[in-house]
Amino acid sequence: MDKITLHDKTFRRFIPNEEIEKAIDQVAERLNKDYATCTDEDPAIFLCTLNGAVIFAAELLKRVTFPLMLKAVKLSSYEGTCSTGVVKTEVPLPANLEGKRVIIVEDIVDTGNTIVAMSKQLKEKNVKDARVCTLLLKKEVYKKDVKLDYVAMEIPNRFIVGFGLDYDELGRNIKDIYVLDD
């Protein structure tokens, strides 16, 4: 479909699923190289940010070959189409992260408020290493100091849905990414 309607807004196709899949392949290849030394005794931890990163994390899980554990966290700062600027913790970080290698799996990084909050929490948990892996980056908006280690795709500062991203909880299950149609 070239256009979809969610609630009161119309969106047009922006990134076809084939492009998304290729970008994920490339990120998984880098992760496999960087985490090749993980063992069953010392696995990496995929820290999936709910709810948006679920589909991205699932696709990565199919492609990575190193031992890992999957954990989840839920922080939110969006209402409707805008960031509130306030990060709320809805599902906290797991307790047993000390000394672990953590890969934060994000759907999208724009303001970076969530990444900064999560990075701070991970430091307090004394993780050995924390890296950020995001499907999408709005580079023109992101001005924080937290390094983004793995970025699948850069996009302009537009509101998007699909492939895990939503508009008031609708649209996550759409395989392509759609942009708000002006």
N, C-alpha and C. Protein backbone atom coordinates (compact mmCIF):
# COMPACT_ATOMS: atom_id res chain seq x y z
N MET A 1 0.83 -1.18 0.00
CA MET A 1 0.00 0.00 0.00
C MET A 1 0.87 1.24 0.00
N ASP A 2 0.49 2.19 -0.81
CA ASP A 2 1.24 3.43 -0.87
C ASP A 2 0.88 4.37 0.28
N LYS A 3 -0.37 4.30 0.75
CA LYS A 3 -0.81 5.15 1.86
C LYS A 3 -1.64 4.33 2.84
N ILE A 4 -1.53 4.72 4.11
CA ILE A 4 -2.35 4.12 5.16
C ILE A 4 -2.90 5.23 6.05
N THR A 5 -3.98 4.93 6.75
CA THR A 5 -4.55 5.87 7.71
C THR A 5 -4.57 5.20 9.08
N LEU A 6 -4.04 5.89 10.06
CA LEU A 6 -4.07 5.44 11.45
C LEU A 6 -4.70 6.56 12.27
N HIS A 7 -5.74 6.22 13.01
CA HIS A 7 -6.50 7.22 13.75
C HIS A 7 -6.89 8.34 12.80
N ASP A 8 -6.39 9.55 13.04
CA ASP A 8 -6.78 10.72 12.25
C ASP A 8 -5.70 11.17 11.26
N LYS A 9 -4.67 10.35 11.05
CA LYS A 9 -3.54 10.79 10.22
C LYS A 9 -3.31 9.82 9.06
N THR A 10 -2.83 10.39 7.96
CA THR A 10 -2.49 9.60 6.78
C THR A 10 -0.98 9.57 6.64
N PHE A 11 -0.47 8.38 6.29
CA PHE A 11 0.96 8.16 6.13
C PHE A 11 1.22 7.58 4.74
N ARG A 12 2.37 7.92 4.17
CA ARG A 12 2.75 7.35 2.87
C ARG A 12 4.00 6.49 3.05
N ARG A 13 4.12 5.47 2.17
CA ARG A 13 5.27 4.57 2.27
C ARG A 13 6.56 5.37 2.12
N PHE A 14 7.52 5.05 3.00
CA PHE A 14 8.77 5.80 3.06
C PHE A 14 9.98 4.88 2.87
N ILE A 15 10.01 3.75 3.59
CA ILE A 15 11.12 2.80 3.46
C ILE A 15 10.52 1.40 3.28
N PRO A 16 10.72 0.80 2.11
CA PRO A 16 10.19 -0.55 1.91
C PRO A 16 10.92 -1.58 2.77
N ASN A 17 10.21 -2.65 3.09
CA ASN A 17 10.75 -3.69 3.96
C ASN A 17 12.08 -4.25 3.46
N GLU A 18 12.25 -4.37 2.16
CA GLU A 18 13.50 -4.92 1.61
C GLU A 18 14.70 -4.08 2.04
N GLU A 19 14.57 -2.76 2.04
CA GLU A 19 15.66 -1.88 2.47
C GLU A 19 15.94 -2.04 3.96
N ILE A 20 14.88 -2.17 4.74
CA ILE A 20 15.02 -2.36 6.18
C ILE A 20 15.78 -3.66 6.45
N GLU A 21 15.38 -4.72 5.77
CA GLU A 21 16.01 -6.03 5.97
C GLU A 21 17.50 -6.00 5.62
N LYS A 22 17.86 -5.32 4.53
CA LYS A 22 19.28 -5.21 4.15
C LYS A 22 20.07 -4.46 5.21
N ALA A 23 19.50 -3.40 5.74
CA ALA A 23 20.17 -2.62 6.78
C ALA A 23 20.37 -3.46 8.05
N ILE A 24 19.38 -4.28 8.38
CA ILE A 24 19.49 -5.15 9.55
C ILE A 24 20.57 -6.20 9.32
N ASP A 25 20.64 -6.74 8.11
CA ASP A 25 21.70 -7.70 7.77
C ASP A 25 23.08 -7.10 8.06
N GLN A 26 23.27 -5.85 7.66
CA GLN A 26 24.57 -5.20 7.83
C GLN A 26 24.90 -4.98 9.31
N VAL A 27 23.90 -4.57 10.09
CA VAL A 27 24.12 -4.38 11.53
C VAL A 27 24.44 -5.72 12.20
N ALA A 28 23.70 -6.76 11.84
CA ALA A 28 23.94 -8.09 12.43
C ALA A 28 25.34 -8.58 12.11
N GLU A 29 25.81 -8.31 10.91
CA GLU A 29 27.17 -8.72 10.52
C GLU A 29 28.20 -8.04 11.43
N ARG A 30 28.03 -6.76 11.69
CA ARG A 30 28.94 -6.03 12.58
C ARG A 30 28.86 -6.56 14.02
N LEU A 31 27.64 -6.81 14.48
CA LEU A 31 27.47 -7.36 15.83
C LEU A 31 28.15 -8.72 15.95
N ASN A 32 27.97 -9.58 14.95
CA ASN A 32 28.59 -10.90 14.97
C ASN A 32 30.11 -10.80 15.06
N LYS A 33 30.67 -9.84 14.36
CA LYS A 33 32.12 -9.64 14.40
C LYS A 33 32.56 -9.13 15.78
N ASP A 34 31.85 -8.12 16.29
CA ASP A 34 32.24 -7.48 17.54
C ASP A 34 32.00 -8.35 18.77
N TYR A 35 31.06 -9.27 18.70
CA TYR A 35 30.72 -10.10 19.86
C TYR A 35 31.07 -11.57 19.66
N ALA A 36 31.97 -11.84 18.76
CA ALA A 36 32.38 -13.22 18.47
C ALA A 36 33.02 -13.90 19.67
N THR A 37 33.54 -13.14 20.62
CA THR A 37 34.20 -13.73 21.79
C THR A 37 33.22 -14.09 22.91
N CYS A 38 31.94 -13.81 22.74
CA CYS A 38 30.97 -14.18 23.77
C CYS A 38 30.90 -15.69 23.89
N THR A 39 30.66 -16.14 25.10
CA THR A 39 30.55 -17.58 25.36
C THR A 39 29.24 -17.84 26.11
N ASP A 40 28.92 -19.10 26.26
CA ASP A 40 27.73 -19.46 27.04
C ASP A 40 27.87 -18.99 28.49
N GLU A 41 29.10 -18.98 29.00
CA GLU A 41 29.35 -18.52 30.36
C GLU A 41 29.37 -17.00 30.47
N ASP A 42 29.64 -16.33 29.37
CA ASP A 42 29.71 -14.87 29.35
C ASP A 42 28.98 -14.35 28.10
N PRO A 43 27.64 -14.52 28.08
CA PRO A 43 26.89 -14.07 26.90
C PRO A 43 26.66 -12.57 26.92
N ALA A 44 26.41 -12.02 25.76
CA ALA A 44 25.97 -10.62 25.68
C ALA A 44 24.51 -10.58 26.11
N ILE A 45 24.04 -9.38 26.44
CA ILE A 45 22.63 -9.21 26.79
C ILE A 45 22.02 -8.20 25.81
N PHE A 46 21.03 -8.67 25.06
CA PHE A 46 20.22 -7.77 24.24
C PHE A 46 19.19 -7.16 25.18
N LEU A 47 19.22 -5.85 25.33
CA LEU A 47 18.26 -5.15 26.17
C LEU A 47 17.27 -4.45 25.24
N CYS A 48 16.17 -5.11 24.98
CA CYS A 48 15.17 -4.63 24.03
C CYS A 48 14.29 -3.58 24.69
N THR A 49 14.17 -2.42 24.06
CA THR A 49 13.31 -1.37 24.58
C THR A 49 11.89 -1.59 24.04
N LEU A 50 11.00 -1.86 24.96
CA LEU A 50 9.60 -2.10 24.61
C LEU A 50 8.88 -0.78 24.38
N ASN A 51 7.90 -0.74 23.53
CA ASN A 51 7.40 -1.80 22.71
C ASN A 51 7.99 -1.72 21.30
N GLY A 52 8.50 -0.57 20.93
CA GLY A 52 8.90 -0.30 19.56
C GLY A 52 9.99 -1.17 18.99
N ALA A 53 10.96 -1.57 19.80
CA ALA A 53 12.12 -2.30 19.27
C ALA A 53 11.89 -3.80 19.17
N VAL A 54 10.71 -4.29 19.49
CA VAL A 54 10.46 -5.73 19.49
C VAL A 54 10.72 -6.35 18.12
N ILE A 55 10.21 -5.74 17.07
CA ILE A 55 10.37 -6.31 15.73
C ILE A 55 11.83 -6.25 15.30
N PHE A 56 12.50 -5.14 15.53
CA PHE A 56 13.92 -5.01 15.20
C PHE A 56 14.74 -6.04 15.97
N ALA A 57 14.47 -6.17 17.26
CA ALA A 57 15.20 -7.15 18.08
C ALA A 57 14.96 -8.56 17.56
N ALA A 58 13.73 -8.88 17.20
CA ALA A 58 13.41 -10.21 16.68
C ALA A 58 14.18 -10.50 15.40
N GLU A 59 14.26 -9.51 14.53
CA GLU A 59 15.01 -9.69 13.27
C GLU A 59 16.50 -9.85 13.54
N LEU A 60 17.03 -9.09 14.49
CA LEU A 60 18.44 -9.25 14.85
C LEU A 60 18.70 -10.63 15.43
N LEU A 61 17.79 -11.10 16.30
CA LEU A 61 17.95 -12.41 16.93
C LEU A 61 18.07 -13.52 15.89
N LYS A 62 17.38 -13.39 14.77
CA LYS A 62 17.44 -14.39 13.71
C LYS A 62 18.81 -14.41 13.02
N ARG A 63 19.53 -13.29 13.12
CA ARG A 63 20.75 -13.12 12.35
C ARG A 63 22.04 -13.23 13.15
N VAL A 64 21.98 -12.98 14.46
CA VAL A 64 23.22 -13.01 15.25
C VAL A 64 23.56 -14.45 15.63
N THR A 65 24.87 -14.70 15.75
CA THR A 65 25.35 -16.06 15.97
C THR A 65 26.07 -16.25 17.30
N PHE A 66 26.22 -15.20 18.07
CA PHE A 66 26.93 -15.29 19.34
C PHE A 66 25.94 -15.58 20.48
N PRO A 67 26.43 -16.17 21.58
CA PRO A 67 25.56 -16.43 22.73
C PRO A 67 25.04 -15.12 23.33
N LEU A 68 23.75 -15.08 23.60
CA LEU A 68 23.17 -13.88 24.20
C LEU A 68 21.95 -14.22 25.00
N MET A 69 21.58 -13.29 25.86
CA MET A 69 20.34 -13.38 26.63
C MET A 69 19.49 -12.19 26.21
N LEU A 70 18.19 -12.37 26.19
CA LEU A 70 17.26 -11.31 25.83
C LEU A 70 16.55 -10.81 27.08
N LYS A 71 16.67 -9.53 27.32
CA LYS A 71 15.98 -8.87 28.44
C LYS A 71 15.21 -7.69 27.86
N ALA A 72 14.29 -7.14 28.65
CA ALA A 72 13.49 -6.02 28.16
C ALA A 72 13.41 -4.92 29.20
N VAL A 73 13.21 -3.72 28.69
CA VAL A 73 13.02 -2.53 29.51
C VAL A 73 12.00 -1.67 28.78
N LYS A 74 11.25 -0.89 29.52
CA LYS A 74 10.30 0.00 28.85
C LYS A 74 10.41 1.38 29.47
N LEU A 75 10.88 2.30 28.64
CA LEU A 75 10.93 3.70 29.00
C LEU A 75 10.16 4.45 27.92
N SER A 76 9.45 5.46 28.29
CA SER A 76 8.69 6.19 27.27
C SER A 76 8.80 7.68 27.48
N SER A 77 8.75 8.40 26.36
CA SER A 77 8.77 9.85 26.42
C SER A 77 7.84 10.46 25.37
N TYR A 78 7.14 9.61 24.61
CA TYR A 78 6.27 10.10 23.54
C TYR A 78 4.80 10.02 23.92
N GLU A 79 4.06 11.03 23.49
CA GLU A 79 2.61 11.02 23.53
C GLU A 79 2.16 11.52 22.17
N GLY A 80 1.39 10.70 21.45
CA GLY A 80 0.98 11.08 20.11
C GLY A 80 2.18 11.14 19.19
N THR A 81 2.39 12.29 18.55
CA THR A 81 3.49 12.44 17.60
C THR A 81 4.67 13.22 18.16
N CYS A 82 4.63 13.58 19.45
CA CYS A 82 5.68 14.44 20.02
C CYS A 82 6.30 13.85 21.28
N SER A 83 7.58 14.16 21.47
CA SER A 83 8.26 13.79 22.70
C SER A 83 7.85 14.75 23.79
N THR A 84 7.60 14.22 24.97
CA THR A 84 7.25 15.06 26.12
C THR A 84 8.49 15.66 26.76
N GLY A 85 9.67 15.05 26.45
CA GLY A 85 10.91 15.49 27.07
C GLY A 85 11.14 14.85 28.43
N VAL A 86 10.15 14.15 28.94
CA VAL A 86 10.25 13.48 30.24
C VAL A 86 10.26 11.97 29.99
N VAL A 87 11.30 11.30 30.50
CA VAL A 87 11.42 9.85 30.32
C VAL A 87 10.81 9.16 31.53
N LYS A 88 9.79 8.32 31.27
CA LYS A 88 9.13 7.55 32.33
C LYS A 88 9.57 6.10 32.22
N THR A 89 9.94 5.50 33.36
CA THR A 89 10.30 4.08 33.40
C THR A 89 9.05 3.29 33.72
N GLU A 90 8.66 2.43 32.76
CA GLU A 90 7.47 1.60 32.96
C GLU A 90 7.85 0.16 33.31
N VAL A 91 8.93 -0.35 32.72
CA VAL A 91 9.49 -1.66 33.08
C VAL A 91 10.97 -1.41 33.33
N PRO A 92 11.43 -1.55 34.59
CA PRO A 92 12.81 -1.21 34.92
C PRO A 92 13.83 -2.19 34.36
N LEU A 93 15.09 -1.79 34.41
CA LEU A 93 16.19 -2.66 34.00
C LEU A 93 16.22 -3.91 34.85
N PRO A 94 16.65 -5.04 34.27
CA PRO A 94 16.83 -6.25 35.07
C PRO A 94 17.88 -6.01 36.15
N ALA A 95 17.77 -6.74 37.25
CA ALA A 95 18.67 -6.55 38.39
C ALA A 95 20.06 -7.11 38.15
N ASN A 96 20.19 -8.17 37.39
CA ASN A 96 21.45 -8.92 37.29
C ASN A 96 22.30 -8.52 36.07
N LEU A 97 22.69 -7.27 36.00
CA LEU A 97 23.48 -6.81 34.85
C LEU A 97 24.94 -6.52 35.18
N GLU A 98 25.32 -6.57 36.43
CA GLU A 98 26.68 -6.24 36.83
C GLU A 98 27.70 -7.11 36.09
N GLY A 99 28.71 -6.45 35.51
CA GLY A 99 29.78 -7.15 34.81
C GLY A 99 29.40 -7.70 33.45
N LYS A 100 28.22 -7.38 32.97
CA LYS A 100 27.74 -7.93 31.69
C LYS A 100 27.99 -6.96 30.54
N ARG A 101 28.04 -7.52 29.34
CA ARG A 101 28.11 -6.73 28.10
C ARG A 101 26.68 -6.56 27.59
N VAL A 102 26.21 -5.32 27.57
CA VAL A 102 24.82 -5.02 27.23
C VAL A 102 24.74 -4.29 25.90
N ILE A 103 23.82 -4.74 25.07
CA ILE A 103 23.53 -4.07 23.80
C ILE A 103 22.10 -3.55 23.90
N ILE A 104 21.96 -2.24 24.00
CA ILE A 104 20.64 -1.62 24.02
C ILE A 104 20.09 -1.68 22.60
N VAL A 105 18.95 -2.32 22.42
CA VAL A 105 18.34 -2.44 21.10
C VAL A 105 17.15 -1.48 21.06
N GLU A 106 17.29 -0.43 20.24
CA GLU A 106 16.29 0.63 20.12
C GLU A 106 15.67 0.61 18.74
N ASP A 107 14.42 1.05 18.65
CA ASP A 107 13.79 1.20 17.35
C ASP A 107 14.24 2.49 16.67
N ILE A 108 14.24 3.57 17.43
CA ILE A 108 14.59 4.87 16.85
C ILE A 108 15.22 5.77 17.92
N VAL A 109 16.22 6.53 17.51
CA VAL A 109 16.82 7.52 18.39
C VAL A 109 16.62 8.88 17.72
N ASP A 110 15.98 9.77 18.46
CA ASP A 110 15.81 11.13 17.96
C ASP A 110 16.34 12.12 19.01
N THR A 111 15.55 12.49 20.00
CA THR A 111 16.05 13.42 21.01
C THR A 111 17.18 12.81 21.83
N GLY A 112 17.15 11.48 22.00
CA GLY A 112 18.18 10.80 22.78
C GLY A 112 17.91 10.75 24.26
N ASN A 113 16.79 11.31 24.69
CA ASN A 113 16.49 11.35 26.13
C ASN A 113 16.41 9.94 26.73
N THR A 114 15.80 9.02 26.01
CA THR A 114 15.67 7.66 26.52
C THR A 114 17.03 6.99 26.61
N ILE A 115 17.88 7.17 25.59
CA ILE A 115 19.22 6.57 25.58
C ILE A 115 20.06 7.11 26.74
N VAL A 116 19.98 8.40 26.98
CA VAL A 116 20.74 9.00 28.08
C VAL A 116 20.27 8.42 29.42
N ALA A 117 18.96 8.33 29.60
CA ALA A 117 18.42 7.79 30.85
C ALA A 117 18.84 6.33 31.05
N MET A 118 18.76 5.55 29.98
CA MET A 118 19.13 4.13 30.09
C MET A 118 20.62 3.97 30.32
N SER A 119 21.43 4.76 29.66
CA SER A 119 22.89 4.69 29.85
C SER A 119 23.26 5.00 31.29
N LYS A 120 22.61 5.99 31.86
CA LYS A 120 22.86 6.35 33.26
C LYS A 120 22.49 5.18 34.18
N GLN A 121 21.34 4.57 33.93
CA GLN A 121 20.90 3.44 34.74
C GLN A 121 21.86 2.25 34.61
N LEU A 122 22.37 2.02 33.40
CA LEU A 122 23.32 0.90 33.20
C LEU A 122 24.63 1.15 33.93
N LYS A 123 25.11 2.39 33.96
CA LYS A 123 26.32 2.71 34.72
C LYS A 123 26.11 2.41 36.19
N GLU A 124 24.93 2.75 36.70
CA GLU A 124 24.62 2.49 38.10
C GLU A 124 24.57 0.98 38.40
N LYS A 125 24.30 0.17 37.37
CA LYS A 125 24.25 -1.29 37.51
C LYS A 125 25.64 -1.92 37.33
N ASN A 126 26.65 -1.09 37.07
CA ASN A 126 28.04 -1.56 36.90
C ASN A 126 28.20 -2.60 35.78
N VAL A 127 27.61 -2.30 34.62
CA VAL A 127 27.80 -3.20 33.49
C VAL A 127 29.24 -3.07 33.00
N LYS A 128 29.75 -4.14 32.40
CA LYS A 128 31.12 -4.13 31.87
C LYS A 128 31.21 -3.21 30.65
N ASP A 129 30.20 -3.31 29.79
CA ASP A 129 30.20 -2.57 28.54
C ASP A 129 28.76 -2.37 28.11
N ALA A 130 28.42 -1.18 27.66
CA ALA A 130 27.08 -0.90 27.14
C ALA A 130 27.20 -0.22 25.80
N ARG A 131 26.54 -0.78 24.81
CA ARG A 131 26.53 -0.21 23.47
C ARG A 131 25.10 -0.03 23.02
N VAL A 132 24.93 0.88 22.06
CA VAL A 132 23.60 1.19 21.56
C VAL A 132 23.48 0.73 20.11
N CYS A 133 22.40 -0.01 19.84
CA CYS A 133 22.10 -0.49 18.50
C CYS A 133 20.69 -0.02 18.16
N THR A 134 20.58 0.83 17.14
CA THR A 134 19.27 1.35 16.78
C THR A 134 18.96 1.10 15.31
N LEU A 135 17.71 0.82 15.05
CA LEU A 135 17.27 0.66 13.67
C LEU A 135 17.35 1.99 12.94
N LEU A 136 16.85 3.04 13.58
CA LEU A 136 16.75 4.34 12.93
C LEU A 136 17.36 5.44 13.78
N LEU A 137 17.95 6.42 13.11
CA LEU A 137 18.52 7.59 13.77
C LEU A 137 18.08 8.85 13.04
N LYS A 138 17.52 9.78 13.81
CA LYS A 138 17.24 11.12 13.28
C LYS A 138 18.45 11.98 13.65
N LYS A 139 19.46 11.93 12.78
CA LYS A 139 20.76 12.55 13.07
C LYS A 139 20.66 14.06 13.32
N GLU A 140 19.77 14.73 12.60
CA GLU A 140 19.68 16.18 12.76
C GLU A 140 19.09 16.58 14.11
N VAL A 141 18.45 15.65 14.82
CA VAL A 141 17.84 15.93 16.11
C VAL A 141 18.74 15.47 17.26
N TYR A 142 19.47 14.36 17.06
CA TYR A 142 20.26 13.75 18.14
C TYR A 142 21.49 14.59 18.44
N LYS A 143 21.53 15.15 19.65
CA LYS A 143 22.65 16.02 20.06
C LYS A 143 23.26 15.60 21.39
N LYS A 144 23.04 14.36 21.79
CA LYS A 144 23.54 13.89 23.08
C LYS A 144 24.95 13.33 22.95
N ASP A 145 25.61 13.10 24.10
CA ASP A 145 26.98 12.60 24.12
C ASP A 145 27.08 11.08 24.10
N VAL A 146 25.99 10.37 24.29
CA VAL A 146 26.03 8.91 24.30
C VAL A 146 26.27 8.43 22.87
N LYS A 147 27.33 7.62 22.72
CA LYS A 147 27.70 7.11 21.41
C LYS A 147 26.68 6.09 20.93
N LEU A 148 26.31 6.18 19.66
CA LEU A 148 25.44 5.20 19.03
C LEU A 148 26.34 4.29 18.21
N ASP A 149 26.51 3.06 18.68
CA ASP A 149 27.50 2.15 18.12
C ASP A 149 27.06 1.48 16.82
N TYR A 150 25.77 1.20 16.71
CA TYR A 150 25.25 0.49 15.54
C TYR A 150 23.98 1.20 15.09
N VAL A 151 24.03 1.81 13.92
CA VAL A 151 22.88 2.51 13.35
C VAL A 151 22.57 1.87 12.01
N ALA A 152 21.38 1.29 11.90
CA ALA A 152 21.00 0.63 10.65
C ALA A 152 20.70 1.65 9.56
N MET A 153 19.92 2.69 9.89
CA MET A 153 19.53 3.68 8.89
C MET A 153 19.39 5.06 9.52
N GLU A 154 19.76 6.07 8.76
CA GLU A 154 19.51 7.45 9.18
C GLU A 154 18.32 7.98 8.39
N ILE A 155 17.46 8.73 9.09
CA ILE A 155 16.28 9.29 8.45
C ILE A 155 16.14 10.76 8.82
N PRO A 156 15.38 11.52 8.04
CA PRO A 156 15.14 12.92 8.40
C PRO A 156 14.20 13.01 9.60
N ASN A 157 14.08 14.19 10.15
CA ASN A 157 13.25 14.41 11.33
C ASN A 157 11.77 14.49 10.94
N ARG A 158 11.22 13.33 10.66
CA ARG A 158 9.80 13.21 10.29
C ARG A 158 9.16 12.16 11.18
N PHE A 159 7.86 12.24 11.38
CA PHE A 159 7.16 11.25 12.20
C PHE A 159 6.86 10.03 11.34
N ILE A 160 7.25 8.85 11.84
CA ILE A 160 7.10 7.62 11.07
C ILE A 160 6.39 6.55 11.89
N VAL A 161 5.85 5.56 11.16
CA VAL A 161 5.20 4.40 11.77
C VAL A 161 5.59 3.16 10.98
N GLY A 162 5.35 2.01 11.58
CA GLY A 162 5.61 0.74 10.93
C GLY A 162 6.87 0.10 11.47
N PHE A 163 7.01 -1.19 11.23
CA PHE A 163 8.16 -1.97 11.68
C PHE A 163 8.46 -1.74 13.16
N GLY A 164 7.39 -1.77 13.96
CA GLY A 164 7.53 -1.61 15.40
C GLY A 164 7.18 -0.23 15.92
N LEU A 165 7.24 0.77 15.06
CA LEU A 165 6.94 2.14 15.47
C LEU A 165 5.45 2.41 15.34
N ASP A 166 4.92 3.21 16.27
CA ASP A 166 3.47 3.38 16.30
C ASP A 166 3.04 4.84 16.33
N TYR A 167 1.77 5.02 16.09
CA TYR A 167 1.09 6.29 16.34
C TYR A 167 -0.06 5.95 17.28
N ASP A 168 0.08 6.34 18.53
CA ASP A 168 -0.89 6.00 19.57
C ASP A 168 -1.26 4.53 19.53
N GLU A 169 -0.22 3.68 19.51
CA GLU A 169 -0.28 2.22 19.60
C GLU A 169 -0.72 1.51 18.32
N LEU A 170 -1.01 2.21 17.25
CA LEU A 170 -1.35 1.56 15.98
C LEU A 170 -0.19 1.66 15.01
N GLY A 171 -0.06 0.64 14.15
CA GLY A 171 0.93 0.68 13.07
C GLY A 171 2.18 -0.14 13.30
N ARG A 172 2.37 -0.68 14.49
CA ARG A 172 3.60 -1.44 14.78
C ARG A 172 3.76 -2.66 13.88
N ASN A 173 2.66 -3.27 13.48
CA ASN A 173 2.68 -4.51 12.72
C ASN A 173 2.84 -4.32 11.21
N ILE A 174 3.01 -3.13 10.75
CA ILE A 174 3.18 -2.86 9.32
C ILE A 174 4.63 -3.12 8.95
N LYS A 175 4.87 -3.91 7.88
CA LYS A 175 6.24 -4.35 7.58
C LYS A 175 7.11 -3.26 6.95
N ASP A 176 6.51 -2.30 6.27
CA ASP A 176 7.26 -1.17 5.71
C ASP A 176 7.23 -0.02 6.73
N ILE A 177 8.03 1.00 6.49
CA ILE A 177 7.97 2.20 7.32
C ILE A 177 7.28 3.30 6.52
N TYR A 178 6.34 3.97 7.18
CA TYR A 178 5.56 5.02 6.56
C TYR A 178 5.85 6.35 7.25
N VAL A 179 5.77 7.42 6.49
CA VAL A 179 6.01 8.76 7.02
C VAL A 179 4.70 9.55 6.99
N LEU A 180 4.53 10.44 7.95
CA LEU A 180 3.34 11.27 8.00
C LEU A 180 3.23 12.04 6.68
N ASP A 181 2.08 11.95 6.04
CA ASP A 181 1.85 12.58 4.75
C ASP A 181 1.34 14.00 4.97
N ASP A 182 2.15 14.96 4.60
CA ASP A 182 1.75 16.36 4.81
C ASP A 182 0.72 16.73 3.77
